[in-house]
Amino acid sequence: MTTSLPKYDDFMLPTLKALHALGGSASIEEIQDRLVSDMGLTPEQMEAAYPKSGALIAPDRMSWARSYLKIAGLLKRAGKGIWVLTDQGREATGMTPAQLKAHVKKLSAPHHASVVARRKQARAGEASIDNVEEETEQEDVWADQLLAKVQSIEPAAFERLAQRILRESGFTRVEVTGKSGDGGIDGHGVLRVNLISFQVLFQCKRYKGSVSAGTVRDFRGAMQGRADKGLIITTGTFTPDARREATRDGAPAIDLIDGEALTDLLKSLKLGVRVEQVITERVTVEEDFFDEI
C-alpha cells in the first residue's frame, strides 16, 4: 500500500497549484485537504504510516515538498502553519512536473550534504520510504531538531511545556491536572478575549504517531458540559478523520496543534528557541530549556 503513495517530489507541483487556487496563502490543513481532493488520494493512502514511528507517510512527504519549494524560493512560511506562494512560485505553476523537479533540484543542490546529516540526526531511527540520500536540504532543520527534542522530554514535562505555552499565549489560571481515567484531559485554563472569557480544557500527546478521530471524540465526550472549548496539542500529526471530527457540524469545535504548528508556536513565543537576525534569520534550539521545564 505504501509503495503506491506519491513521492515527495510528486507533491511539489500540486502544492503550488493548490496554494494558487486557495488565493496564494493557506494553512497546512487547507493545503493537505486540497491535495487529497486534487490528487484523488484515498483514506487508505492518507492513513499509511511508517512502521517504526507510526507517523503518517503522506503528510510527511507533503511537508518535505513544501520545504524543498521554500528552498527554491517558490514558497515562504508566514508563521503558525501558514504558507504563502511567492511570485516565482506563481510563475512555476506553468511548469511541467519534470521541469519543476529539475528546477528545485538545481537550487537545492548546495544544501545536499547538510540535509542528509541533519535529518539523520533529527530523525534517528526513522526509515523513510524514499531514499534519504536522494533528498535535498530542508532549510528549516531547526524545526526537526526542536521537534525531536520535545519528543524526548518526559510526558509530565511536555504537560508543563503546554502549560507554559498557554500562559505565554494569554491564558490565565492554567493548571495541569495529570489525572488518569479522565477522558484524556490533562489540564484547563481560561482564555479572555476582550470582555468574554472561555473555559478551555487541553490534552497533550507527546509522540511521533498520529492522533485518531476516536481520540478526538473521546476528548469531546470528556469535556462535555465542563468547558467552552477544547485543545489538543501533539508532537505528532492528526489523521484526516481526526481533523474532520474536530470540526464536525453540530459538535463543539476542538482546536488542534500538530508538531509543525507547535514548532512555529514555540519559535514565535521564543520558548526554547533563540532567533537571531544576521543577513538572514538564524534560529537556534536551546535544549537546556526543555531539560529544565
Protein backbone atom coordinates (compact mmCIF):
# COMPACT_ATOMS: atom_id res chain seq x y z
CA MET A 1 0.00 0.00 0.00
CA THR A 2 2.80 2.46 0.87
CA THR A 3 4.55 1.89 -2.46
CA SER A 4 1.54 3.38 -4.29
CA LEU A 5 1.93 6.68 -2.46
CA PRO A 6 3.25 9.68 -4.40
CA LYS A 7 6.86 10.55 -3.58
CA TYR A 8 7.75 13.89 -2.03
CA ASP A 9 8.60 15.49 -5.39
CA ASP A 10 5.28 14.33 -6.84
CA PHE A 11 3.60 16.65 -4.33
CA MET A 12 5.55 19.76 -5.37
CA LEU A 13 3.60 20.96 -8.43
CA PRO A 14 0.20 20.06 -6.93
CA THR A 15 1.19 22.04 -3.81
CA LEU A 16 1.95 25.16 -5.88
CA LYS A 17 -1.33 24.77 -7.77
CA ALA A 18 -3.26 24.19 -4.52
CA LEU A 19 -1.91 27.40 -3.00
CA HIS A 20 -2.68 29.30 -6.20
CA ALA A 21 -6.27 28.03 -6.13
CA LEU A 22 -6.58 28.93 -2.43
CA GLY A 23 -5.70 32.55 -3.08
CA GLY A 24 -1.93 32.43 -2.63
CA SER A 25 -1.86 31.51 1.06
CA ALA A 26 -3.22 28.66 3.14
CA SER A 27 -2.84 26.69 6.33
CA ILE A 28 -1.22 23.25 6.34
CA GLU A 29 -4.63 21.67 6.81
CA GLU A 30 -6.09 23.57 3.84
CA ILE A 31 -3.17 22.55 1.62
CA GLN A 32 -3.47 18.93 2.69
CA ASP A 33 -7.23 18.82 2.07
CA ARG A 34 -6.74 20.35 -1.36
CA LEU A 35 -4.03 17.84 -2.28
CA VAL A 36 -6.23 14.95 -1.18
CA SER A 37 -9.01 16.24 -3.42
CA ASP A 38 -6.90 17.24 -6.43
CA MET A 39 -4.72 14.11 -6.43
CA GLY A 40 -7.55 11.70 -5.58
CA LEU A 41 -5.77 10.29 -2.53
CA THR A 42 -7.71 7.57 -0.73
CA PRO A 43 -8.25 7.28 3.04
CA GLU A 44 -6.01 4.20 2.99
CA GLN A 45 -3.19 6.20 1.39
CA MET A 46 -3.58 9.06 3.85
CA GLU A 47 -3.52 6.70 6.84
CA ALA A 48 -0.46 4.69 5.75
CA ALA A 49 2.21 5.07 8.45
CA TYR A 50 5.92 4.42 8.96
CA PRO A 51 6.38 1.08 10.77
CA LYS A 52 8.73 2.37 13.46
CA SER A 53 7.24 5.71 14.47
CA GLY A 54 3.61 5.42 13.40
CA ALA A 55 3.87 8.85 11.73
CA LEU A 56 1.73 9.28 8.63
CA ILE A 57 3.74 8.97 5.41
CA ALA A 58 1.71 11.16 3.03
CA PRO A 59 1.62 14.26 5.30
CA ASP A 60 5.36 13.79 5.93
CA ARG A 61 6.07 13.80 2.20
CA MET A 62 3.80 16.81 1.73
CA SER A 63 5.84 18.59 4.40
CA TRP A 64 9.11 17.79 2.64
CA ALA A 65 7.66 19.04 -0.65
CA ARG A 66 6.83 22.39 0.97
CA SER A 67 10.34 22.60 2.42
CA TYR A 68 12.03 21.99 -0.93
CA LEU A 69 9.78 24.55 -2.59
CA LYS A 70 10.77 27.03 0.11
CA ILE A 71 14.48 26.47 -0.59
CA ALA A 72 13.80 27.21 -4.25
CA GLY A 73 12.06 30.47 -3.32
CA LEU A 74 8.69 29.29 -4.58
CA LEU A 75 7.03 29.25 -1.16
CA LYS A 76 7.61 31.04 2.12
CA ARG A 77 6.35 30.49 5.64
CA ALA A 78 4.29 33.18 7.29
CA GLY A 79 4.32 31.59 10.75
CA LYS A 80 1.86 29.47 12.72
CA GLY A 81 1.48 26.91 9.94
CA ILE A 82 0.64 29.39 7.15
CA TRP A 83 2.38 29.04 3.77
CA VAL A 84 2.47 31.72 1.07
CA LEU A 85 3.04 31.41 -2.67
CA THR A 86 5.76 33.75 -3.97
CA ASP A 87 5.78 35.45 -7.38
CA GLN A 88 8.31 32.85 -8.55
CA GLY A 89 6.04 30.11 -7.26
CA ARG A 90 3.09 31.54 -9.14
CA GLU A 91 5.12 31.51 -12.35
CA ALA A 92 6.27 27.93 -11.65
CA THR A 93 2.68 26.65 -11.74
CA GLY A 94 3.07 26.70 -15.52
CA MET A 95 5.98 24.23 -15.44
CA THR A 96 5.63 20.54 -16.11
CA PRO A 97 6.31 18.21 -13.14
CA ALA A 98 9.68 17.24 -14.66
CA GLN A 99 10.68 20.89 -15.19
CA LEU A 100 9.77 21.81 -11.63
CA LYS A 101 11.66 18.86 -10.14
CA ALA A 102 14.77 19.79 -12.13
CA HIS A 103 14.44 23.44 -11.10
CA VAL A 104 14.13 22.65 -7.41
CA LYS A 105 16.93 20.08 -7.55
CA LYS A 106 19.30 22.60 -9.11
CA LEU A 107 18.58 25.30 -6.50
CA SER A 108 18.78 22.92 -3.54
CA ALA A 109 21.94 21.06 -4.62
CA PRO A 110 24.30 23.22 -2.47
CA HIS A 111 22.37 22.12 0.63
CA HIS A 112 22.50 18.39 -0.12
CA ALA A 113 25.29 17.29 2.26
CA SER A 114 23.98 19.04 5.35
CA VAL A 115 20.39 17.82 4.98
CA VAL A 116 21.47 14.18 4.99
CA ALA A 117 23.46 14.65 8.22
CA ARG A 118 20.93 16.87 9.97
CA ARG A 119 17.88 14.80 9.03
CA LYS A 120 19.55 11.60 10.22
CA GLN A 121 20.37 13.33 13.49
CA ALA A 122 16.90 14.78 13.98
CA ARG A 123 15.06 11.61 12.94
CA ALA A 124 17.30 8.92 14.31
CA GLY A 125 15.68 5.54 13.88
CA GLU A 126 13.08 6.71 11.36
CA ALA A 127 13.42 4.98 7.98
CA SER A 128 11.62 6.86 5.22
CA ILE A 129 10.17 5.02 2.23
CA ASP A 130 12.08 7.44 -0.03
CA ASN A 131 15.86 7.24 -0.32
CA VAL A 132 17.18 9.82 2.13
CA GLU A 133 20.43 10.16 0.17
CA GLU A 134 18.47 11.42 -2.83
CA GLU A 135 16.64 14.10 -0.89
CA THR A 136 17.69 17.72 -0.73
CA GLU A 137 18.08 20.23 2.06
CA GLN A 138 15.24 21.25 4.29
CA GLU A 139 16.09 24.83 5.16
CA ASP A 140 14.25 24.77 8.46
CA VAL A 141 16.36 22.00 10.01
CA TRP A 142 15.90 23.74 13.34
CA ALA A 143 12.24 22.63 13.31
CA ASP A 144 13.25 18.95 13.04
CA GLN A 145 15.80 19.42 15.83
CA LEU A 146 13.25 21.19 18.00
CA LEU A 147 10.57 18.58 17.45
CA ALA A 148 13.00 15.75 18.19
CA LYS A 149 13.96 17.45 21.45
CA VAL A 150 10.36 17.99 22.56
CA GLN A 151 9.55 14.37 21.74
CA SER A 152 12.41 13.26 24.00
CA ILE A 153 11.26 15.00 27.18
CA GLU A 154 9.14 13.24 29.83
CA PRO A 155 5.33 13.30 29.43
CA ALA A 156 4.98 15.39 32.61
CA ALA A 157 7.49 17.89 31.23
CA PHE A 158 5.52 18.11 27.99
CA GLU A 159 2.39 18.91 30.02
CA ARG A 160 4.29 21.69 31.81
CA LEU A 161 5.51 22.95 28.44
CA ALA A 162 1.90 23.08 27.22
CA GLN A 163 1.01 24.98 30.39
CA ARG A 164 3.78 27.49 29.68
CA ILE A 165 2.67 27.87 26.05
CA LEU A 166 -0.90 28.66 27.12
CA ARG A 167 0.25 31.18 29.71
CA GLU A 168 2.52 32.90 27.21
CA SER A 169 -0.42 32.96 24.76
CA GLY A 170 -2.67 34.89 27.14
CA PHE A 171 -4.38 32.14 29.16
CA THR A 172 -4.86 32.57 32.90
CA ARG A 173 -5.45 30.07 35.72
CA VAL A 174 -3.75 27.35 33.70
CA GLU A 175 -3.47 24.12 35.67
CA VAL A 176 -2.16 20.66 34.81
CA THR A 177 -4.36 18.04 36.42
CA GLY A 178 -2.42 14.92 35.45
CA LYS A 179 -5.37 12.69 36.34
CA SER A 180 -5.71 9.29 34.75
CA GLY A 181 -9.04 8.00 33.52
CA ASP A 182 -10.37 11.49 32.84
CA GLY A 183 -11.02 11.15 29.14
CA GLY A 184 -7.52 12.29 28.30
CA ILE A 185 -7.92 15.73 29.89
CA ASP A 186 -4.51 16.92 31.05
CA GLY A 187 -5.36 20.42 32.22
CA HIS A 188 -7.51 23.50 31.95
CA GLY A 189 -7.24 27.27 31.66
CA VAL A 190 -9.18 30.45 30.98
CA LEU A 191 -8.81 32.49 27.81
CA ARG A 192 -10.09 36.04 27.96
CA VAL A 193 -10.96 37.76 24.67
CA ASN A 194 -11.94 41.37 25.27
CA LEU A 195 -14.91 41.15 27.65
CA ILE A 196 -15.56 37.43 27.21
CA SER A 197 -13.85 34.53 28.98
CA PHE A 198 -13.72 30.93 27.76
CA GLN A 199 -13.08 27.83 29.83
CA VAL A 200 -10.65 25.63 27.89
CA LEU A 201 -9.64 22.01 28.51
CA PHE A 202 -6.48 20.69 26.89
CA GLN A 203 -4.88 17.35 26.13
CA CYS A 204 -1.19 16.66 25.41
CA LYS A 205 0.07 13.89 23.11
CA ARG A 206 3.89 13.61 23.16
CA TYR A 207 4.70 11.06 20.49
CA LYS A 208 5.64 10.63 16.84
CA GLY A 209 2.47 8.88 15.75
CA SER A 210 -0.89 10.21 14.68
CA VAL A 211 -3.90 11.23 16.75
CA SER A 212 -7.03 9.41 15.58
CA ALA A 213 -10.63 10.53 15.24
CA GLY A 214 -11.50 8.27 18.19
CA THR A 215 -9.17 10.23 20.45
CA VAL A 216 -10.86 13.48 19.42
CA ARG A 217 -14.32 12.01 20.05
CA ASP A 218 -13.33 10.69 23.48
CA PHE A 219 -11.87 14.06 24.42
CA ARG A 220 -15.01 15.88 23.31
CA GLY A 221 -17.12 13.50 25.37
CA ALA A 222 -14.98 14.13 28.45
CA MET A 223 -15.20 17.93 28.10
CA GLN A 224 -18.98 17.94 27.55
CA GLY A 225 -20.58 20.37 30.00
CA ARG A 226 -17.23 21.22 31.60
CA ALA A 227 -15.70 23.74 29.19
CA ASP A 228 -16.42 26.06 26.28
CA LYS A 229 -13.56 24.89 24.10
CA GLY A 230 -11.05 22.07 23.78
CA LEU A 231 -7.45 21.98 22.60
CA ILE A 232 -5.27 19.00 21.67
CA ILE A 233 -1.51 19.55 21.36
CA THR A 234 0.69 16.84 19.87
CA THR A 235 4.25 16.47 18.67
CA GLY A 236 2.91 14.09 16.03
CA THR A 237 0.19 14.57 13.43
CA PHE A 238 -3.59 14.24 13.16
CA THR A 239 -5.25 11.83 10.77
CA PRO A 240 -7.58 13.41 8.18
CA ASP A 241 -10.52 11.80 10.01
CA ALA A 242 -9.35 13.39 13.28
CA ARG A 243 -9.28 16.84 11.67
CA ARG A 244 -12.77 16.33 10.25
CA GLU A 245 -14.02 15.11 13.63
CA ALA A 246 -12.57 18.18 15.34
CA THR A 247 -14.74 20.48 13.21
CA ARG A 248 -17.77 18.23 12.75
CA ASP A 249 -21.06 20.10 12.29
CA GLY A 250 -23.26 20.14 15.36
CA ALA A 251 -20.44 19.31 17.78
CA PRO A 252 -18.27 21.66 19.86
CA ALA A 253 -15.17 22.51 17.82
CA ILE A 254 -11.80 21.33 19.12
CA ASP A 255 -8.63 23.17 18.12
CA LEU A 256 -5.69 21.03 17.01
CA ILE A 257 -1.98 21.84 17.18
CA ASP A 258 0.29 19.31 15.47
CA GLY A 259 4.07 19.05 15.55
CA GLU A 260 4.71 21.51 12.74
CA ALA A 261 2.38 24.13 14.20
CA LEU A 262 3.92 23.52 17.62
CA THR A 263 7.42 24.36 16.40
CA ASP A 264 6.13 27.58 14.83
CA LEU A 265 4.39 28.45 18.09
CA LEU A 266 7.49 27.83 20.21
CA LYS A 267 9.51 29.96 17.82
CA SER A 268 7.03 32.87 17.90
CA LEU A 269 6.86 32.73 21.70
CA LYS A 270 10.67 32.30 21.92
CA LEU A 271 10.28 29.32 24.24
CA GLY A 272 13.40 27.18 23.97
CA VAL A 273 14.26 28.93 20.72
CA ARG A 274 16.62 31.83 20.08
CA VAL A 275 16.12 33.81 16.89
CA GLU A 276 18.93 35.98 15.55
CA GLN A 277 18.86 38.32 12.58
CA VAL A 278 22.16 38.32 10.75
CA ILE A 279 21.85 38.63 6.96
CA THR A 280 19.14 36.03 7.12
CA GLU A 281 17.26 34.70 10.11
CA ARG A 282 19.19 32.24 12.27
CA VAL A 283 17.22 30.01 14.63
CA THR A 284 18.90 28.08 17.46
CA VAL A 285 17.20 25.44 19.59
CA GLU A 286 18.08 25.91 23.28
CA GLU A 287 17.85 22.32 24.51
CA ASP A 288 18.58 23.27 28.15
CA PHE A 289 15.18 24.99 28.25
CA PHE A 290 13.39 21.68 27.73
CA ASP A 291 15.66 19.83 30.17
CA GLU A 292 14.65 22.28 32.88
CA ILE A 293 10.93 22.52 32.11
